């Protein structure tokens, strides 16, 4: 009986993890932001930080997005932002593991990248978030920053998105 429950759980889990985009308008999803990323980890340790960005829209409202770098992903997708023009205001590098400090985050400057999200549109940033973790001087060394991205990489992301269900319901901005 235990095995039957386990097998059913595995089947439900994997069939529920389909690769698809949300349908525009469903669950108040109007637009999608794609942030290309390049994560390199030359250590045996998991990445040490998650990255939280504060975005400000044209009305002065602030929104936050966050992600953990992944070596097996080309981009991160955010569908929780409303349409409008945004600018990256600040970044927080937060320890991925809870430490015994007053705060696990430290503020960082970030490139003030502007972008626009349109109704039923997918916006791909023209900058990639590059994270590199190496072993240097007997300790973990991590660098993280936005870098410009080549059009070829953007096209690779578009080709990957085209494979997802519901892609035809969106337009690339």
C-alpha atoms as a PDB file:
ATOM      1  CA  UNK A   1       0.000   0.000   0.000  1.00  0.00           C
ATOM      2  CA  UNK A   2       2.880   2.379   0.838  1.00  0.00           C
ATOM      3  CA  UNK A   3       4.413   1.748  -2.570  1.00  0.00           C
ATOM      4  CA  UNK A   4       1.117   2.430  -4.331  1.00  0.00           C
ATOM      5  CA  UNK A   5       0.791   5.793  -2.549  1.00  0.00           C
ATOM      6  CA  UNK A   6       4.413   6.640  -3.420  1.00  0.00           C
ATOM      7  CA  UNK A   7       3.932   5.723  -7.088  1.00  0.00           C
ATOM      8  CA  UNK A   8       0.733   7.820  -7.297  1.00  0.00           C
ATOM      9  CA  UNK A   9       2.541  10.760  -5.690  1.00  0.00           C
ATOM     10  CA  UNK A  10       5.396  10.521  -8.203  1.00  0.00           C
ATOM     11  CA  UNK A  11       2.991  10.324 -11.147  1.00  0.00           C
ATOM     12  CA  UNK A  12       0.961  13.319  -9.922  1.00  0.00           C
ATOM     13  CA  UNK A  13       4.130  15.293  -9.164  1.00  0.00           C
ATOM     14  CA  UNK A  14       5.709  14.789 -12.570  1.00  0.00           C
ATOM     15  CA  UNK A  15       2.532  15.265 -14.581  1.00  0.00           C
ATOM     16  CA  UNK A  16       1.870  18.491 -12.662  1.00  0.00           C
ATOM     17  CA  UNK A  17       5.324  19.853 -13.544  1.00  0.00           C
ATOM     18  CA  UNK A  18       4.618  20.650 -17.163  1.00  0.00           C
ATOM     19  CA  UNK A  19       6.599  23.190 -19.087  1.00  0.00           C
ATOM     20  CA  UNK A  20       4.107  25.848 -19.976  1.00  0.00           C
ATOM     21  CA  UNK A  21       3.594  29.561 -19.814  1.00  0.00           C
ATOM     22  CA  UNK A  22       0.578  30.980 -18.009  1.00  0.00           C
ATOM     23  CA  UNK A  23      -2.348  32.103 -20.148  1.00  0.00           C
ATOM     24  CA  UNK A  24      -2.452  35.921 -20.407  1.00  0.00           C
ATOM     25  CA  UNK A  25      -5.112  37.284 -18.063  1.00  0.00           C
ATOM     26  CA  UNK A  26      -5.305  34.130 -15.930  1.00  0.00           C
ATOM     27  CA  UNK A  27      -4.640  34.735 -12.236  1.00  0.00           C
ATOM     28  CA  UNK A  28      -4.146  38.463 -13.026  1.00  0.00           C
ATOM     29  CA  UNK A  29      -1.014  37.700 -15.082  1.00  0.00           C
ATOM     30  CA  UNK A  30      -0.668  40.439 -17.688  1.00  0.00           C
ATOM     31  CA  UNK A  31       3.023  40.325 -18.558  1.00  0.00           C
ATOM     32  CA  UNK A  32       6.195  38.291 -18.126  1.00  0.00           C
ATOM     33  CA  UNK A  33       9.709  39.494 -17.342  1.00  0.00           C
ATOM     34  CA  UNK A  34      12.630  37.279 -18.365  1.00  0.00           C
ATOM     35  CA  UNK A  35      15.995  37.943 -16.716  1.00  0.00           C
ATOM     36  CA  UNK A  36      18.777  36.051 -18.500  1.00  0.00           C
ATOM     37  CA  UNK A  37      21.292  34.606 -16.074  1.00  0.00           C
ATOM     38  CA  UNK A  38      24.662  32.939 -16.236  1.00  0.00           C
ATOM     39  CA  UNK A  39      25.713  31.107 -13.091  1.00  0.00           C
ATOM     40  CA  UNK A  40      29.144  29.506 -12.751  1.00  0.00           C
ATOM     41  CA  UNK A  41      30.044  27.520  -9.659  1.00  0.00           C
ATOM     42  CA  UNK A  42      33.607  26.175  -9.531  1.00  0.00           C
ATOM     43  CA  UNK A  43      33.250  24.993  -5.930  1.00  0.00           C
ATOM     44  CA  UNK A  44      31.643  21.972  -4.341  1.00  0.00           C
ATOM     45  CA  UNK A  45      29.432  24.249  -2.236  1.00  0.00           C
ATOM     46  CA  UNK A  46      25.961  25.451  -3.229  1.00  0.00           C
ATOM     47  CA  UNK A  47      25.674  29.127  -4.145  1.00  0.00           C
ATOM     48  CA  UNK A  48      26.036  31.254  -1.034  1.00  0.00           C
ATOM     49  CA  UNK A  49      23.485  33.973  -1.772  1.00  0.00           C
ATOM     50  CA  UNK A  50      20.023  34.660  -3.059  1.00  0.00           C
ATOM     51  CA  UNK A  51      19.537  37.996  -4.774  1.00  0.00           C
ATOM     52  CA  UNK A  52      16.653  40.346  -4.038  1.00  0.00           C
ATOM     53  CA  UNK A  53      16.056  43.313  -6.329  1.00  0.00           C
ATOM     54  CA  UNK A  54      13.898  46.346  -5.656  1.00  0.00           C
ATOM     55  CA  UNK A  55      12.190  47.653  -8.779  1.00  0.00           C
ATOM     56  CA  UNK A  56      10.449  51.022  -8.948  1.00  0.00           C
ATOM     57  CA  UNK A  57       7.693  51.726 -11.464  1.00  0.00           C
ATOM     58  CA  UNK A  58       6.826  55.098 -13.006  1.00  0.00           C
ATOM     59  CA  UNK A  59       4.308  55.774 -10.194  1.00  0.00           C
ATOM     60  CA  UNK A  60       7.028  55.348  -7.552  1.00  0.00           C
ATOM     61  CA  UNK A  61       5.639  52.022  -6.327  1.00  0.00           C
ATOM     62  CA  UNK A  62       8.293  49.518  -5.315  1.00  0.00           C
ATOM     63  CA  UNK A  63       8.197  45.798  -6.108  1.00  0.00           C
ATOM     64  CA  UNK A  64      10.703  43.139  -5.165  1.00  0.00           C
ATOM     65  CA  UNK A  65      11.819  40.059  -7.031  1.00  0.00           C
ATOM     66  CA  UNK A  66      14.303  37.444  -5.877  1.00  0.00           C
ATOM     67  CA  UNK A  67      16.071  34.380  -7.153  1.00  0.00           C
ATOM     68  CA  UNK A  68      18.771  31.855  -6.365  1.00  0.00           C
ATOM     69  CA  UNK A  69      21.369  31.359  -9.101  1.00  0.00           C
ATOM     70  CA  UNK A  70      21.164  28.018 -10.924  1.00  0.00           C
ATOM     71  CA  UNK A  71      23.863  26.604 -13.163  1.00  0.00           C
ATOM     72  CA  UNK A  72      21.255  24.668 -15.166  1.00  0.00           C
ATOM     73  CA  UNK A  73      19.023  27.666 -16.047  1.00  0.00           C
ATOM     74  CA  UNK A  74      19.455  30.254 -18.783  1.00  0.00           C
ATOM     75  CA  UNK A  75      16.899  32.660 -17.337  1.00  0.00           C
ATOM     76  CA  UNK A  76      14.449  33.483 -14.581  1.00  0.00           C
ATOM     77  CA  UNK A  77      10.810  34.218 -15.315  1.00  0.00           C
ATOM     78  CA  UNK A  78       8.642  36.613 -13.303  1.00  0.00           C
ATOM     79  CA  UNK A  79       4.907  36.926 -13.946  1.00  0.00           C
ATOM     80  CA  UNK A  80       3.906  38.843 -10.815  1.00  0.00           C
ATOM     81  CA  UNK A  81       4.581  42.366 -12.110  1.00  0.00           C
ATOM     82  CA  UNK A  82       1.896  44.630 -13.585  1.00  0.00           C
ATOM     83  CA  UNK A  83       2.349  46.312 -16.939  1.00  0.00           C
ATOM     84  CA  UNK A  84       4.348  49.547 -16.958  1.00  0.00           C
ATOM     85  CA  UNK A  85       7.889  50.900 -16.960  1.00  0.00           C
ATOM     86  CA  UNK A  86      10.271  49.804 -14.214  1.00  0.00           C
ATOM     87  CA  UNK A  87      13.828  50.536 -13.130  1.00  0.00           C
ATOM     88  CA  UNK A  88      16.168  48.427 -11.004  1.00  0.00           C
ATOM     89  CA  UNK A  89      16.746  50.537  -7.875  1.00  0.00           C
ATOM     90  CA  UNK A  90      18.751  48.344  -5.503  1.00  0.00           C
ATOM     91  CA  UNK A  91      19.928  44.845  -4.756  1.00  0.00           C
ATOM     92  CA  UNK A  92      20.293  42.833  -1.568  1.00  0.00           C
ATOM     93  CA  UNK A  93      22.629  39.851  -1.384  1.00  0.00           C
ATOM     94  CA  UNK A  94      21.116  37.564   1.261  1.00  0.00           C
ATOM     95  CA  UNK A  95      22.792  34.496   2.704  1.00  0.00           C
ATOM     96  CA  UNK A  96      21.171  31.380   1.308  1.00  0.00           C
ATOM     97  CA  UNK A  97      21.553  29.757   4.724  1.00  0.00           C
ATOM     98  CA  UNK A  98      20.372  31.391   7.899  1.00  0.00           C
ATOM     99  CA  UNK A  99      23.358  32.744   9.830  1.00  0.00           C
ATOM    100  CA  UNK A 100      23.767  34.023  13.350  1.00  0.00           C
ATOM    101  CA  UNK A 101      23.955  37.658  12.346  1.00  0.00           C
ATOM    102  CA  UNK A 102      21.616  40.592  12.871  1.00  0.00           C
ATOM    103  CA  UNK A 103      20.806  40.570   9.210  1.00  0.00           C
ATOM    104  CA  UNK A 104      21.523  38.000   6.573  1.00  0.00           C
ATOM    105  CA  UNK A 105      21.395  40.572   3.778  1.00  0.00           C
ATOM    106  CA  UNK A 106      23.749  43.257   2.629  1.00  0.00           C
ATOM    107  CA  UNK A 107      22.784  46.105   0.341  1.00  0.00           C
ATOM    108  CA  UNK A 108      24.536  46.439  -3.017  1.00  0.00           C
ATOM    109  CA  UNK A 109      24.383  48.847  -5.879  1.00  0.00           C
ATOM    110  CA  UNK A 110      22.898  47.578  -9.093  1.00  0.00           C
ATOM    111  CA  UNK A 111      22.835  48.752 -12.652  1.00  0.00           C
ATOM    112  CA  UNK A 112      19.795  51.073 -13.064  1.00  0.00           C
ATOM    113  CA  UNK A 113      18.288  49.048 -15.909  1.00  0.00           C
ATOM    114  CA  UNK A 114      14.950  50.324 -17.280  1.00  0.00           C
ATOM    115  CA  UNK A 115      12.421  48.062 -18.964  1.00  0.00           C
ATOM    116  CA  UNK A 116       8.785  48.119 -19.990  1.00  0.00           C
ATOM    117  CA  UNK A 117       6.214  45.379 -19.474  1.00  0.00           C
ATOM    118  CA  UNK A 118       3.295  45.368 -21.928  1.00  0.00           C
ATOM    119  CA  UNK A 119      -0.051  43.621 -21.811  1.00  0.00           C
ATOM    120  CA  UNK A 120       0.205  40.034 -23.147  1.00  0.00           C
ATOM    121  CA  UNK A 121       3.935  40.632 -23.643  1.00  0.00           C
ATOM    122  CA  UNK A 122       7.158  38.903 -22.676  1.00  0.00           C
ATOM    123  CA  UNK A 123      10.013  41.320 -21.986  1.00  0.00           C
ATOM    124  CA  UNK A 124      13.537  39.888 -22.091  1.00  0.00           C
ATOM    125  CA  UNK A 125      16.156  42.085 -20.402  1.00  0.00           C
ATOM    126  CA  UNK A 126      19.090  43.025 -22.619  1.00  0.00           C
ATOM    127  CA  UNK A 127      21.356  42.359 -19.626  1.00  0.00           C
ATOM    128  CA  UNK A 128      22.210  39.044 -18.016  1.00  0.00           C
ATOM    129  CA  UNK A 129      22.738  38.557 -14.293  1.00  0.00           C
ATOM    130  CA  UNK A 130      26.134  36.896 -14.051  1.00  0.00           C
ATOM    131  CA  UNK A 131      27.102  35.041 -10.847  1.00  0.00           C
ATOM    132  CA  UNK A 132      30.486  33.405 -10.411  1.00  0.00           C
ATOM    133  CA  UNK A 133      31.493  31.408  -7.344  1.00  0.00           C
ATOM    134  CA  UNK A 134      35.084  30.160  -7.136  1.00  0.00           C
ATOM    135  CA  UNK A 135      37.503  28.914  -4.530  1.00  0.00           C
ATOM    136  CA  UNK A 136      40.085  31.682  -4.026  1.00  0.00           C
ATOM    137  CA  UNK A 137      42.679  32.102  -1.269  1.00  0.00           C
ATOM    138  CA  UNK A 138      41.198  29.191   0.679  1.00  0.00           C
ATOM    139  CA  UNK A 139      37.687  30.653   0.766  1.00  0.00           C
ATOM    140  CA  UNK A 140      34.578  31.039  -1.340  1.00  0.00           C
ATOM    141  CA  UNK A 141      34.694  34.069  -3.616  1.00  0.00           C
ATOM    142  CA  UNK A 142      31.433  35.240  -5.192  1.00  0.00           C
ATOM    143  CA  UNK A 143      30.922  37.955  -7.770  1.00  0.00           C
ATOM    144  CA  UNK A 144      27.497  38.955  -9.065  1.00  0.00           C
ATOM    145  CA  UNK A 145      26.571  41.690 -11.549  1.00  0.00           C
ATOM    146  CA  UNK A 146      24.596  42.532 -14.647  1.00  0.00           C
ATOM    147  CA  UNK A 147      26.461  42.264 -17.937  1.00  0.00           C
ATOM    148  CA  UNK A 148      25.347  42.999 -21.476  1.00  0.00           C
ATOM    149  CA  UNK A 149      24.053  40.026 -23.417  1.00  0.00           C
ATOM    150  CA  UNK A 150      24.537  39.157 -27.070  1.00  0.00           C
ATOM    151  CA  UNK A 151      21.540  38.958 -29.395  1.00  0.00           C
ATOM    152  CA  UNK A 152      22.384  35.290 -30.010  1.00  0.00           C
ATOM    153  CA  UNK A 153      21.709  34.505 -26.327  1.00  0.00           C
ATOM    154  CA  UNK A 154      18.392  36.359 -26.440  1.00  0.00           C
ATOM    155  CA  UNK A 155      17.442  34.351 -29.528  1.00  0.00           C
ATOM    156  CA  UNK A 156      18.347  31.107 -27.686  1.00  0.00           C
ATOM    157  CA  UNK A 157      15.982  32.093 -24.876  1.00  0.00           C
ATOM    158  CA  UNK A 158      13.213  32.876 -27.383  1.00  0.00           C
ATOM    159  CA  UNK A 159      13.703  29.468 -29.019  1.00  0.00           C
ATOM    160  CA  UNK A 160      13.459  27.820 -25.598  1.00  0.00           C
ATOM    161  CA  UNK A 161      10.286  29.790 -24.809  1.00  0.00           C
ATOM    162  CA  UNK A 162       8.732  28.727 -28.132  1.00  0.00           C
ATOM    163  CA  UNK A 163       8.819  25.121 -26.905  1.00  0.00           C
ATOM    164  CA  UNK A 164       6.563  25.976 -23.962  1.00  0.00           C
ATOM    165  CA  UNK A 165       2.816  25.465 -24.087  1.00  0.00           C
ATOM    166  CA  UNK A 166       0.824  28.721 -24.484  1.00  0.00           C
ATOM    167  CA  UNK A 167       3.771  30.589 -26.073  1.00  0.00           C
ATOM    168  CA  UNK A 168       1.608  31.500 -29.068  1.00  0.00           C
ATOM    169  CA  UNK A 169      -0.667  33.506 -26.754  1.00  0.00           C
ATOM    170  CA  UNK A 170       2.156  35.925 -25.933  1.00  0.00           C
ATOM    171  CA  UNK A 171       4.214  38.421 -27.922  1.00  0.00           C
ATOM    172  CA  UNK A 172       7.918  39.115 -27.414  1.00  0.00           C
ATOM    173  CA  UNK A 173       8.523  42.801 -26.655  1.00  0.00           C
END
